[in-house]
Amino acid sequence: MNKYLHYSHQSINRKDISSVIEVLKSDWITQGPAIKEFEDALCSYTGAKYAVAVSNGTAALHVSCLAAGIKAGDEVITSPITFAASANSVLYCGGRPVFVDIQEDTINIDPRKIEKRISKRTRAIIQVHFAGHPCDLDEIRRIAKKHGLMVIEDAAHALGAEYRLSRRGRRGEWIRVGDGRFSDMTILSFHPVKSITTGEGGAILTNNQQLYRKLLMLRNHGIVRERKALMEKDEGPWYSEMQALGFNYRITDFQCALGRSQLKRIGAFLKRRREIAALYNEKLSQLEEIVLPVTRPSVKSAWHIYCIRLKDASKRKRVFERLRDSNIGVQVHYIPVYFHPYYRRLGYEKGMCKKAEDYYRRTMTLPIHPGMTDRDVHYVIKTLKESLA
């Protein structure tokens, strides 16, 4: 095979391109109407009341932590198996991430271990829907309510994922991640490898109007223009106020035009990802050398990534290199956050989360994205089998 198979990749069609060109020819290419249109489309799709689109997923995490009131000395519980931004956003606010070990099957944060790490300084939980598989939303929310904590869902992997309610009276109802029933805020990422793309981009979903207004302000330098929200005397139509130290985390109209066009295709994107995952599951289940990813009956994963585990960790590097040499863009998701030198300098030590560390030693991500053909998938399977021999 001559072409390189990325572990994930954007899918851009003519309608996507036309939607961007249309905005580029309009009066507004930033801070215009396409942003609100995209935000409204996200709300319609997920069931959230409010959406705030921002420049990237990290910006979404940062302003969510700020809106949650995270400050110096506060602690925020999160998973070590995630991209560094989940924890970095806490550091940006002066807080300290507290890493809790994962479930062995889903690789999501283990609710049974969260409560043991809650202290007087704990202010929030950032749960990460790893690989697009939703966390135990209702259980984590129960723990958070018991201890008066905010809940932020890092759903960068999980746009389109669904979760089946288990609560009495609503048992069996399916809801989409981002619906907001079990969290204060949900963040999304629109990087090219994600469910949909805006190039770079992100968003925060919430059902709380007060948080929504804070997020809008923080996205735009902390500046407020609405007359009813002003703190000082309104001096005239030009008047605005900087009420907080915010940031320029704005997204452009042409990015949002692409995002809205992509959102119309998300059903097809998810369908294809799930087909590929099913094909991998069927063909790779015959291999005794690997452990396949798990999908619990109570979820419909978005399958952002497909992560296998090698039973013999010593073989990973050799298998990884053979697959890369065969133009298969395998990757590892993720190095535990506290392994990074920066976090080690902050006092974090290896050995904190045993299951996360064991997972890291064995894991490997196989390509999965809507642009892959069945032939591509069979090539990955065939090459993996040969590499394991």
Protein backbone atom coordinates (compact mmCIF):
# COMPACT_ATOMS: atom_id res chain seq x y z
CA MET A 1 0.00 0.00 0.00
CA ASN A 2 1.46 3.35 -1.08
CA LYS A 3 -0.90 5.76 0.68
CA TYR A 4 -0.36 6.59 4.33
CA LEU A 5 -3.23 5.61 6.63
CA HIS A 6 -3.57 8.24 9.36
CA TYR A 7 -4.96 7.10 12.71
CA SER A 8 -7.70 9.67 12.10
CA HIS A 9 -8.31 12.23 9.38
CA GLN A 10 -10.73 14.93 8.30
CA SER A 11 -13.32 14.42 5.56
CA ILE A 12 -14.02 17.58 3.54
CA ASN A 13 -16.47 17.59 0.62
CA ARG A 14 -17.68 20.17 -1.88
CA LYS A 15 -20.55 21.35 0.32
CA ASP A 16 -18.11 21.99 3.15
CA ILE A 17 -15.89 24.02 0.84
CA SER A 18 -18.85 25.94 -0.60
CA SER A 19 -20.07 26.86 2.88
CA VAL A 20 -16.68 28.39 3.72
CA ILE A 21 -16.45 30.25 0.39
CA GLU A 22 -19.92 31.70 0.94
CA VAL A 23 -18.84 33.23 4.26
CA LEU A 24 -15.51 34.46 2.85
CA LYS A 25 -17.51 36.40 0.23
CA SER A 26 -19.83 37.89 2.86
CA ASP A 27 -19.46 41.01 5.03
CA TRP A 28 -18.50 38.98 8.11
CA ILE A 29 -15.58 36.60 8.34
CA THR A 30 -15.27 36.87 12.14
CA GLN A 31 -17.58 37.92 15.00
CA GLY A 32 -20.52 37.57 12.63
CA PRO A 33 -23.76 35.54 12.39
CA ALA A 34 -22.22 32.20 11.36
CA ILE A 35 -20.89 31.71 14.89
CA LYS A 36 -24.30 31.83 16.53
CA GLU A 37 -25.72 29.65 13.77
CA PHE A 38 -23.10 26.99 14.52
CA GLU A 39 -23.70 27.29 18.27
CA ASP A 40 -27.44 26.87 17.75
CA ALA A 41 -26.81 23.80 15.57
CA LEU A 42 -24.66 22.26 18.33
CA CYS A 43 -27.45 22.85 20.84
CA SER A 44 -30.03 21.32 18.54
CA TYR A 45 -27.87 18.23 18.00
CA THR A 46 -26.78 17.61 21.61
CA GLY A 47 -29.81 18.88 23.52
CA ALA A 48 -27.85 21.52 25.44
CA LYS A 49 -29.44 24.92 26.10
CA TYR A 50 -26.36 27.02 25.38
CA ALA A 51 -23.15 26.70 23.34
CA VAL A 52 -20.09 28.95 23.19
CA ALA A 53 -17.74 28.31 20.27
CA VAL A 54 -14.07 29.12 20.84
CA SER A 55 -10.73 28.95 19.06
CA ASN A 56 -9.81 25.39 20.11
CA GLY A 57 -10.55 22.61 22.59
CA THR A 58 -7.86 23.77 25.01
CA ALA A 59 -9.43 27.23 25.11
CA ALA A 60 -12.75 25.53 25.87
CA LEU A 61 -11.19 23.70 28.82
CA HIS A 62 -9.46 26.83 30.09
CA VAL A 63 -12.53 29.08 30.12
CA SER A 64 -14.61 26.25 31.60
CA CYS A 65 -12.23 26.04 34.54
CA LEU A 66 -12.29 29.82 34.90
CA ALA A 67 -16.09 29.89 34.77
CA ALA A 68 -16.14 27.12 37.39
CA GLY A 69 -14.14 29.43 39.66
CA ILE A 70 -10.95 27.36 39.80
CA LYS A 71 -8.21 29.42 41.42
CA ALA A 72 -4.86 29.12 43.16
CA GLY A 73 -4.85 26.34 45.74
CA ASP A 74 -7.90 24.53 44.34
CA GLU A 75 -7.77 20.88 43.30
CA VAL A 76 -9.51 19.32 40.31
CA ILE A 77 -9.84 15.56 39.85
CA THR A 78 -9.19 14.15 36.39
CA SER A 79 -7.83 11.16 34.47
CA PRO A 80 -4.15 10.61 33.65
CA ILE A 81 -5.05 8.95 30.32
CA THR A 82 -5.90 12.02 28.28
CA PHE A 83 -4.25 14.74 26.24
CA ALA A 84 -2.28 17.11 28.47
CA ALA A 85 -4.78 19.96 27.96
CA SER A 86 -7.32 18.35 30.32
CA ALA A 87 -4.94 18.85 33.24
CA ASN A 88 -3.10 21.90 31.89
CA SER A 89 -6.33 23.91 32.00
CA VAL A 90 -6.35 23.49 35.78
CA LEU A 91 -2.75 24.72 36.00
CA TYR A 92 -3.63 27.77 33.89
CA CYS A 93 -6.02 28.80 36.67
CA GLY A 94 -3.48 28.22 39.44
CA GLY A 95 -5.11 24.98 40.56
CA ARG A 96 -3.64 21.51 40.95
CA PRO A 97 -4.77 18.45 38.97
CA VAL A 98 -5.38 15.32 41.04
CA PHE A 99 -5.05 12.18 38.95
CA VAL A 100 -7.37 9.24 39.64
CA ASP A 101 -6.80 5.79 38.15
CA ILE A 102 -8.85 4.32 35.31
CA GLN A 103 -11.28 1.47 34.81
CA GLU A 104 -9.52 -1.48 33.22
CA ASP A 105 -12.19 -2.01 30.56
CA THR A 106 -13.27 1.45 29.37
CA ILE A 107 -10.01 3.31 30.23
CA ASN A 108 -12.24 6.04 31.69
CA ILE A 109 -11.75 7.48 35.17
CA ASP A 110 -12.92 5.05 37.86
CA PRO A 111 -15.77 6.56 39.94
CA ARG A 112 -15.03 4.15 42.78
CA LYS A 113 -11.66 5.81 43.23
CA ILE A 114 -12.76 9.43 42.87
CA GLU A 115 -14.26 9.79 46.32
CA LYS A 116 -11.02 8.63 47.98
CA ARG A 117 -9.14 11.56 46.39
CA ILE A 118 -11.61 14.31 47.32
CA SER A 119 -10.22 16.79 49.85
CA LYS A 120 -11.26 20.12 51.33
CA ARG A 121 -9.56 21.79 48.37
CA THR A 122 -11.38 19.83 45.66
CA ARG A 123 -13.60 22.08 43.53
CA ALA A 124 -14.37 20.11 40.38
CA ILE A 125 -14.12 16.86 38.43
CA ILE A 126 -13.03 16.81 34.78
CA GLN A 127 -14.19 13.48 33.37
CA VAL A 128 -12.73 12.45 30.01
CA HIS A 129 -14.81 10.33 27.64
CA PHE A 130 -11.82 8.37 26.40
CA ALA A 131 -11.89 7.24 22.75
CA GLY A 132 -15.53 8.37 22.54
CA HIS A 133 -16.83 5.96 25.22
CA PRO A 134 -18.88 7.95 27.78
CA CYS A 135 -17.85 7.82 31.43
CA ASP A 136 -20.23 6.68 34.18
CA LEU A 137 -22.06 10.00 34.00
CA ASP A 138 -24.77 9.47 36.59
CA GLU A 139 -22.42 7.97 39.19
CA ILE A 140 -19.86 10.77 38.84
CA ARG A 141 -22.63 13.36 39.07
CA ARG A 142 -23.91 11.69 42.24
CA ILE A 143 -20.46 11.93 43.83
CA ALA A 144 -20.09 15.55 42.73
CA LYS A 145 -23.46 16.57 44.19
CA LYS A 146 -22.67 14.84 47.46
CA HIS A 147 -19.48 16.90 47.83
CA GLY A 148 -20.64 20.13 46.19
CA LEU A 149 -18.32 19.86 43.17
CA MET A 150 -18.61 21.16 39.62
CA VAL A 151 -18.49 18.61 36.80
CA ILE A 152 -16.83 19.35 33.46
CA GLU A 153 -17.10 16.74 30.72
CA ASP A 154 -14.09 16.61 28.42
CA ALA A 155 -15.96 15.30 25.39
CA ALA A 156 -13.25 16.15 22.85
CA HIS A 157 -13.49 12.50 21.72
CA ALA A 158 -17.21 12.06 22.16
CA LEU A 159 -19.41 14.30 20.01
CA GLY A 160 -22.22 11.99 18.89
CA ALA A 161 -21.70 9.40 21.61
CA GLU A 162 -24.80 8.31 23.54
CA TYR A 163 -25.48 7.14 27.08
CA ARG A 164 -28.43 5.10 28.34
CA LEU A 165 -29.96 6.29 31.58
CA SER A 166 -30.18 3.83 34.44
CA ARG A 167 -32.06 6.00 36.91
CA ARG A 168 -35.45 4.87 38.19
CA GLY A 169 -38.33 6.27 36.15
CA ARG A 170 -36.21 7.04 33.06
CA ARG A 171 -34.45 3.74 32.65
CA GLY A 172 -33.60 2.92 29.07
CA GLU A 173 -33.71 6.49 27.70
CA TRP A 174 -30.73 7.34 25.48
CA ILE A 175 -29.18 10.81 25.69
CA ARG A 176 -26.32 12.36 23.74
CA VAL A 177 -23.12 13.45 25.38
CA GLY A 178 -23.40 17.21 25.84
CA ASP A 179 -27.05 17.05 26.88
CA GLY A 180 -25.94 18.54 30.20
CA ARG A 181 -28.06 16.54 32.64
CA PHE A 182 -25.01 15.18 34.43
CA SER A 183 -22.53 18.05 34.21
CA ASP A 184 -22.20 21.80 34.52
CA MET A 185 -20.24 22.16 31.28
CA THR A 186 -19.18 19.92 28.39
CA ILE A 187 -16.24 20.80 26.15
CA LEU A 188 -15.83 19.78 22.51
CA SER A 189 -12.89 19.85 20.11
CA PHE A 190 -13.06 20.32 16.34
CA HIS A 191 -9.46 19.48 15.49
CA PRO A 192 -9.21 17.62 12.13
CA VAL A 193 -8.95 14.20 13.83
CA LYS A 194 -12.20 14.66 15.78
CA SER A 195 -15.81 13.74 14.94
CA ILE A 196 -16.25 16.95 12.95
CA THR A 197 -13.73 19.68 12.18
CA THR A 198 -13.49 23.46 11.91
CA GLY A 199 -9.71 23.23 11.31
CA GLU A 200 -8.97 24.27 14.86
CA GLY A 201 -11.87 25.05 17.14
CA GLY A 202 -13.81 24.03 20.20
CA ALA A 203 -16.99 24.73 22.14
CA ILE A 204 -18.48 24.64 25.61
CA LEU A 205 -22.03 23.38 26.16
CA THR A 206 -24.02 24.23 29.28
CA ASN A 207 -27.59 24.43 30.57
CA ASN A 208 -26.68 27.13 33.10
CA GLN A 209 -27.39 30.69 31.92
CA GLN A 210 -25.02 32.24 34.45
CA LEU A 211 -22.15 30.05 33.28
CA TYR A 212 -23.09 30.80 29.68
CA ARG A 213 -22.73 34.54 30.23
CA LYS A 214 -19.38 34.05 31.97
CA LEU A 215 -18.12 31.93 29.09
CA LEU A 216 -19.16 34.53 26.50
CA MET A 217 -17.32 37.22 28.45
CA LEU A 218 -14.16 35.16 28.98
CA ARG A 219 -14.04 34.27 25.26
CA ASN A 220 -13.85 37.97 24.37
CA HIS A 221 -11.23 39.59 26.63
CA GLY A 222 -13.65 39.75 29.56
CA ILE A 223 -15.54 42.51 27.77
CA VAL A 224 -19.30 43.01 28.12
CA ARG A 225 -21.45 45.06 25.72
CA GLU A 226 -24.99 44.10 26.71
CA ARG A 227 -26.69 47.10 28.31
CA LYS A 228 -28.38 45.09 31.08
CA ALA A 229 -25.06 43.48 32.09
CA LEU A 230 -23.09 46.72 32.53
CA MET A 231 -21.69 47.53 35.97
CA GLU A 232 -21.12 51.24 35.36
CA LYS A 233 -23.27 53.97 33.82
CA ASP A 234 -24.06 53.45 30.15
CA GLU A 235 -22.30 56.33 28.37
CA GLY A 236 -23.72 55.62 24.91
CA PRO A 237 -24.04 53.10 22.06
CA TRP A 238 -20.24 52.72 21.84
CA TYR A 239 -19.81 51.82 25.50
CA SER A 240 -18.44 48.47 26.70
CA GLU A 241 -16.77 47.24 29.88
CA MET A 242 -13.97 44.83 30.68
CA GLN A 243 -15.34 43.11 33.78
CA ALA A 244 -12.83 40.24 34.02
CA LEU A 245 -9.44 39.25 32.69
CA GLY A 246 -10.55 37.32 29.64
CA PHE A 247 -8.85 36.11 26.48
CA ASN A 248 -9.08 36.35 22.73
CA TYR A 249 -10.47 32.85 22.29
CA ARG A 250 -12.83 33.81 19.46
CA ILE A 251 -13.47 31.52 16.52
CA THR A 252 -14.05 32.81 12.96
CA ASP A 253 -17.23 32.75 10.90
CA PHE A 254 -15.67 30.70 8.13
CA GLN A 255 -14.58 28.07 10.65
CA CYS A 256 -18.11 27.93 12.02
CA ALA A 257 -19.54 27.65 8.50
CA LEU A 258 -17.36 24.58 8.03
CA GLY A 259 -18.42 23.24 11.43
CA ARG A 260 -22.11 23.65 10.66
CA SER A 261 -21.69 21.91 7.31
CA GLN A 262 -19.73 19.10 8.98
CA LEU A 263 -22.37 18.69 11.68
CA LYS A 264 -24.90 17.85 8.97
CA ARG A 265 -22.67 14.88 8.06
CA ILE A 266 -21.98 13.60 11.56
CA GLY A 267 -24.50 10.77 11.26
CA ALA A 268 -22.62 9.35 8.28
CA PHE A 269 -19.26 9.91 10.01
CA LEU A 270 -20.36 8.02 13.13
CA LYS A 271 -21.93 5.21 11.10
CA ARG A 272 -18.67 4.62 9.24
CA ARG A 273 -16.53 4.75 12.39
CA ARG A 274 -18.82 2.18 14.03
CA GLU A 275 -18.67 -0.07 10.95
CA ILE A 276 -14.87 -0.01 11.02
CA ALA A 277 -14.80 -0.73 14.76
CA ALA A 278 -17.16 -3.68 14.23
CA LEU A 279 -14.93 -5.04 11.46
CA TYR A 280 -11.84 -4.74 13.66
CA ASN A 281 -13.70 -6.43 16.52
CA GLU A 282 -14.78 -9.31 14.33
CA LYS A 283 -11.43 -10.03 12.70
CA LEU A 284 -9.08 -9.20 15.59
CA SER A 285 -11.01 -11.20 18.18
CA GLN A 286 -9.20 -14.26 16.81
CA LEU A 287 -5.81 -12.92 17.95
CA GLU A 288 -4.82 -14.17 21.39
CA GLU A 289 -1.94 -11.68 21.62
CA ILE A 290 -4.14 -8.60 21.97
CA VAL A 291 -6.98 -7.20 24.08
CA LEU A 292 -9.69 -5.36 22.15
CA PRO A 293 -11.44 -2.16 23.31
CA VAL A 294 -14.67 -2.64 25.25
CA THR A 295 -18.04 -1.00 24.63
CA ARG A 296 -20.48 -1.33 27.50
CA PRO A 297 -24.14 -2.07 26.66
CA SER A 298 -25.17 1.27 28.20
CA VAL A 299 -23.26 3.39 25.67
CA LYS A 300 -22.92 4.06 21.96
CA SER A 301 -19.31 5.08 21.47
CA ALA A 302 -18.28 7.78 19.01
CA TRP A 303 -15.16 5.68 18.23
CA HIS A 304 -12.80 8.62 17.99
CA ILE A 305 -9.89 6.19 18.29
CA TYR A 306 -9.54 2.40 18.29
CA CYS A 307 -7.02 1.29 20.93
CA ILE A 308 -5.81 -2.27 21.29
CA ARG A 309 -3.56 -3.61 24.06
CA LEU A 310 -0.75 -6.10 23.57
CA LYS A 311 -0.66 -8.79 26.25
CA ASP A 312 3.13 -8.85 25.93
CA ALA A 313 4.18 -5.23 26.43
CA SER A 314 7.74 -5.99 25.30
CA LYS A 315 6.48 -6.48 21.72
CA ARG A 316 4.84 -3.07 21.34
CA LYS A 317 7.76 -1.08 19.96
CA ARG A 318 8.59 -3.75 17.36
CA VAL A 319 4.97 -4.09 16.23
CA PHE A 320 4.50 -0.30 16.21
CA GLU A 321 7.57 0.23 14.03
CA ARG A 322 6.57 -2.54 11.60
CA LEU A 323 3.13 -0.99 11.14
CA ARG A 324 4.60 2.49 10.62
CA ASP A 325 7.05 1.06 8.08
CA SER A 326 3.99 -0.33 6.26
CA ASN A 327 2.42 3.16 5.98
CA ILE A 328 -0.03 2.54 8.81
CA GLY A 329 -0.16 5.58 11.08
CA VAL A 330 -0.47 3.87 14.42
CA GLN A 331 -0.19 6.07 17.51
CA VAL A 332 -0.25 5.77 21.30
CA HIS A 333 -3.06 7.44 23.29
CA TYR A 334 -1.80 8.44 25.81
CA ILE A 335 1.36 8.80 27.82
CA PRO A 336 0.03 9.34 31.38
CA VAL A 337 0.00 13.11 31.89
CA TYR A 338 2.08 12.99 35.05
CA PHE A 339 4.87 11.13 33.22
CA HIS A 340 5.77 14.32 31.34
CA PRO A 341 8.88 16.14 32.63
CA TYR A 342 6.92 19.31 33.40
CA TYR A 343 4.57 17.43 35.72
CA ARG A 344 7.46 15.54 37.29
CA ARG A 345 8.99 18.93 38.20
CA LEU A 346 5.72 19.79 39.92
CA GLY A 347 6.17 16.80 42.22
CA TYR A 348 4.07 14.13 40.48
CA GLU A 349 5.64 10.68 40.59
CA LYS A 350 5.30 7.50 38.59
CA GLY A 351 3.37 4.74 40.34
CA MET A 352 0.36 6.92 41.21
CA CYS A 353 -2.14 5.17 38.91
CA LYS A 354 -1.18 1.52 38.40
CA LYS A 355 -3.87 0.60 35.86
CA ALA A 356 -3.21 3.69 33.77
CA GLU A 357 0.49 2.92 33.67
CA ASP A 358 -0.06 -0.71 32.74
CA TYR A 359 -2.45 0.38 29.99
CA TYR A 360 0.12 2.83 28.60
CA ARG A 361 2.82 0.15 28.38
CA ARG A 362 0.59 -2.04 26.20
CA THR A 363 -1.61 0.25 24.12
CA MET A 364 -1.57 1.12 20.45
CA THR A 365 -4.08 3.05 18.33
CA LEU A 366 -5.10 1.64 14.95
CA PRO A 367 -6.43 3.88 12.14
CA ILE A 368 -10.16 4.61 12.20
CA HIS A 369 -11.86 7.40 10.27
CA PRO A 370 -14.68 7.81 7.72
CA GLY A 371 -12.31 8.01 4.75
CA MET A 372 -11.07 4.45 5.22
CA THR A 373 -12.33 1.75 2.88
CA ASP A 374 -12.91 -1.87 3.89
CA ARG A 375 -9.79 -2.66 1.89
CA ASP A 376 -7.81 -0.26 4.10
CA VAL A 377 -9.17 -1.93 7.24
CA HIS A 378 -8.31 -5.42 5.99
CA TYR A 379 -4.80 -4.19 5.14
CA VAL A 380 -4.36 -2.96 8.74
CA ILE A 381 -5.63 -6.29 10.09
CA LYS A 382 -3.40 -8.34 7.79
CA THR A 383 -0.30 -6.26 8.58
CA LEU A 384 -0.97 -6.36 12.33
CA LYS A 385 -1.24 -10.15 12.22
CA GLU A 386 2.05 -10.39 10.33
CA SER A 387 3.73 -7.97 12.75
CA LEU A 388 2.68 -10.01 15.76
CA ALA A 389 4.15 -13.24 14.32
